[in-house]
Protein backbone atom coordinates (compact mmCIF):
# COMPACT_ATOMS: atom_id res chain seq x y z
CA MET A 1 0.00 0.00 0.00
CA SER A 2 2.84 2.42 0.71
CA HIS A 3 4.15 1.71 -2.79
CA ASN A 4 0.82 2.87 -4.24
CA THR A 5 0.83 6.02 -2.08
CA ASN A 6 4.39 6.78 -3.19
CA ASN A 7 3.31 6.30 -6.80
CA ASN A 8 0.44 8.79 -6.36
CA SER A 9 2.82 11.26 -4.72
CA ASN A 10 5.27 11.01 -7.64
CA SER A 11 2.42 11.37 -10.12
CA SER A 12 0.97 14.47 -8.42
CA ASN A 13 4.46 15.98 -8.08
CA ALA A 14 5.13 15.39 -11.79
CA SER A 15 1.78 17.00 -12.60
CA PHE A 16 2.61 20.00 -10.40
CA VAL A 17 6.04 20.43 -12.03
CA ARG A 18 4.50 20.16 -15.50
CA TRP A 19 1.78 22.75 -14.75
CA GLN A 20 4.25 25.05 -13.01
CA GLY A 21 6.37 24.95 -16.17
CA ARG A 22 3.32 25.73 -18.30
CA SER A 23 2.43 28.61 -15.99
CA LEU A 24 5.91 30.11 -16.40
CA GLU A 25 5.70 29.72 -20.19
CA GLU A 26 2.32 31.46 -20.31
CA LEU A 27 3.56 34.26 -18.05
CA GLY A 28 6.49 34.76 -20.42
CA ARG A 29 4.15 34.91 -23.42
CA ALA A 30 1.88 37.41 -21.67
CA ILE A 31 4.87 39.61 -20.78
CA ASN A 32 6.11 39.48 -24.39
CA LEU A 33 2.65 40.37 -25.70
CA LEU A 34 2.26 43.33 -23.33
CA LEU A 35 5.78 44.56 -24.13
CA SER A 36 5.19 44.27 -27.89
CA LEU A 37 1.85 46.06 -27.69
CA SER A 38 3.28 48.80 -25.47
CA LEU A 39 6.20 49.41 -27.82
CA ALA A 40 3.88 49.46 -30.84
CA ILE A 41 1.44 51.86 -29.18
CA SER A 42 4.19 54.22 -28.04
CA GLY A 43 5.74 54.20 -31.52
CA PHE A 44 2.39 54.86 -33.16
CA VAL A 45 1.54 57.75 -30.83
CA ILE A 46 4.99 59.33 -31.22
CA VAL A 47 4.77 59.12 -35.03
CA LYS A 48 1.28 60.64 -34.99
CA LEU A 49 2.31 63.46 -32.64
CA LEU A 50 5.25 64.31 -34.91
CA ASP A 51 3.19 64.06 -38.11
CA SER A 52 2.50 67.52 -39.58
CA ASP A 53 -0.85 66.33 -41.02
CA PHE A 54 -2.02 65.30 -37.58
CA LYS A 55 -3.41 68.53 -36.13
CA CYS A 56 -2.46 68.41 -32.50
CA GLU A 57 -2.16 71.68 -30.62
CA LEU A 58 -0.63 72.01 -27.20
CA ASN A 59 -2.98 72.28 -24.20
CA THR A 60 -5.91 70.63 -25.95
CA LEU A 61 -7.77 67.70 -24.46
CA GLN A 62 -6.61 65.53 -27.35
CA THR A 63 -2.92 66.29 -26.74
CA ILE A 64 -3.22 65.86 -22.99
CA LEU A 65 -4.89 62.46 -23.46
CA LEU A 66 -2.37 61.27 -26.06
CA LEU A 67 0.62 62.44 -24.02
CA GLY A 68 -0.91 60.89 -20.90
CA GLY A 69 -1.39 57.65 -22.80
CA LEU A 70 2.22 57.81 -23.97
CA VAL A 71 3.48 58.40 -20.42
CA PHE A 72 1.45 55.47 -19.08
CA THR A 73 2.67 53.30 -21.96
CA LEU A 74 6.27 54.16 -21.14
CA ILE A 75 5.60 53.39 -17.46
CA THR A 76 4.19 50.02 -18.57
CA ILE A 77 7.40 49.33 -20.52
CA VAL A 78 9.53 50.16 -17.46
CA ILE A 79 7.41 47.89 -15.24
CA LEU A 80 7.70 45.08 -17.80
CA LEU A 81 11.49 45.48 -17.98
CA LEU A 82 11.65 45.29 -14.17
CA LEU A 83 9.44 42.21 -14.37
CA ILE A 84 11.78 40.55 -16.89
CA TYR A 85 14.76 41.31 -14.67
CA ASN A 86 12.89 39.94 -11.67
CA ARG A 87 12.10 36.68 -13.50
CA LEU A 88 15.74 36.28 -14.55
CA LEU A 89 16.77 36.79 -10.93
CA SER A 90 14.29 34.09 -9.89
CA PHE A 91 15.66 31.65 -12.48
CA ARG A 92 19.20 32.37 -11.31
CA LYS A 93 18.33 31.74 -7.64
CA THR A 94 16.42 28.56 -8.58
CA THR A 95 19.50 27.33 -10.45
CA GLN A 96 21.60 27.99 -7.33
CA ILE A 97 19.14 25.92 -5.29
CA ALA A 98 19.45 23.02 -7.74
CA ARG A 99 23.26 23.18 -7.64
CA LYS A 100 23.32 23.25 -3.84
CA ARG A 101 20.92 20.29 -3.72
CA GLU A 102 23.20 18.32 -6.08
CA LYS A 103 26.23 19.14 -3.91
CA GLY A 104 24.39 18.14 -0.74
CA LYS A 105 24.44 21.65 0.78
CA ARG A 106 20.85 21.42 2.00
CA ASP A 107 21.42 23.80 4.92
CA GLU A 108 21.94 26.72 2.48
CA ILE A 109 18.86 25.94 0.39
CA GLU A 110 16.14 27.16 2.76
CA ALA A 111 17.33 30.79 2.73
CA LEU A 112 17.45 30.74 -1.08
CA ARG A 113 13.94 29.25 -1.25
CA LYS A 114 12.61 32.09 0.92
CA GLU A 115 14.34 34.58 -1.35
CA VAL A 116 12.84 32.95 -4.47
CA LYS A 117 9.39 33.01 -2.86
CA GLN A 118 9.72 36.77 -2.26
CA ILE A 119 10.92 37.28 -5.84
CA GLU A 120 7.93 35.33 -7.16
CA ILE A 121 5.53 37.42 -5.07
CA ARG A 122 7.14 40.55 -6.55
CA THR A 123 6.86 39.02 -10.05
CA TRP A 124 3.10 38.64 -9.78
CA LYS A 125 2.68 42.12 -8.28
CA LEU A 126 4.69 43.64 -11.14
CA PHE A 127 2.66 41.65 -13.66
CA LYS A 128 -0.64 42.85 -12.17
CA TRP A 129 0.59 46.46 -12.16
CA SER A 130 1.79 46.19 -15.75
CA ILE A 131 -1.68 45.07 -16.85
CA ILE A 132 -3.40 47.86 -14.88
CA VAL A 133 -1.11 50.59 -16.19
CA PHE A 134 -1.32 49.18 -19.73
CA PHE A 135 -5.12 49.43 -19.70
CA VAL A 136 -4.94 52.97 -18.30
CA SER A 137 -2.59 53.86 -21.18
CA LEU A 138 -5.05 52.32 -23.65
CA LEU A 139 -7.91 54.32 -22.13
CA PHE A 140 -5.97 57.59 -22.48
CA THR A 141 -4.68 56.81 -25.97
CA ILE A 142 -8.01 55.67 -27.40
CA SER A 143 -9.76 58.64 -25.77
CA GLY A 144 -7.21 60.99 -27.36
CA PHE A 145 -7.86 59.58 -30.82
CA VAL A 146 -11.63 59.64 -30.29
CA VAL A 147 -11.43 63.34 -29.38
CA PHE A 148 -9.30 63.94 -32.48
CA PHE A 149 -11.79 62.21 -34.80
CA LEU A 150 -14.76 63.94 -33.19
CA ASN A 151 -13.09 67.32 -33.80
CA THR A 152 -12.33 66.67 -37.47
């Protein structure tokens, strides 16, 4: 019976490891998507603001909204870059844990695990903030273009 219990434990652990890997892959894809969209939006807004055919006067609602959207988009990019750095730091610490486990230095692992746990908490906070700020930037940017088209 203990053999069967051990088998179930190995099976559930393998399932957890597999789904944890999938979760990390999906997080990476989401970060890449947000970063790509943020860069594209900021490039588009900058090109439009510099375009002489795009009538955009200073101190108008349209300009304030577009510049606000651009600022929030740039903040999103900064948050995403911090998030990428944070994930790389997590991978590095996790690699150190694996090396210490292989070398039998189990007494040093617990401190690293706590550090990785804190890094992961920060990762998810940064990810949530990047999504929030990204949608605020979209709201400002779309509103700026709506005002522009309503005035033309």
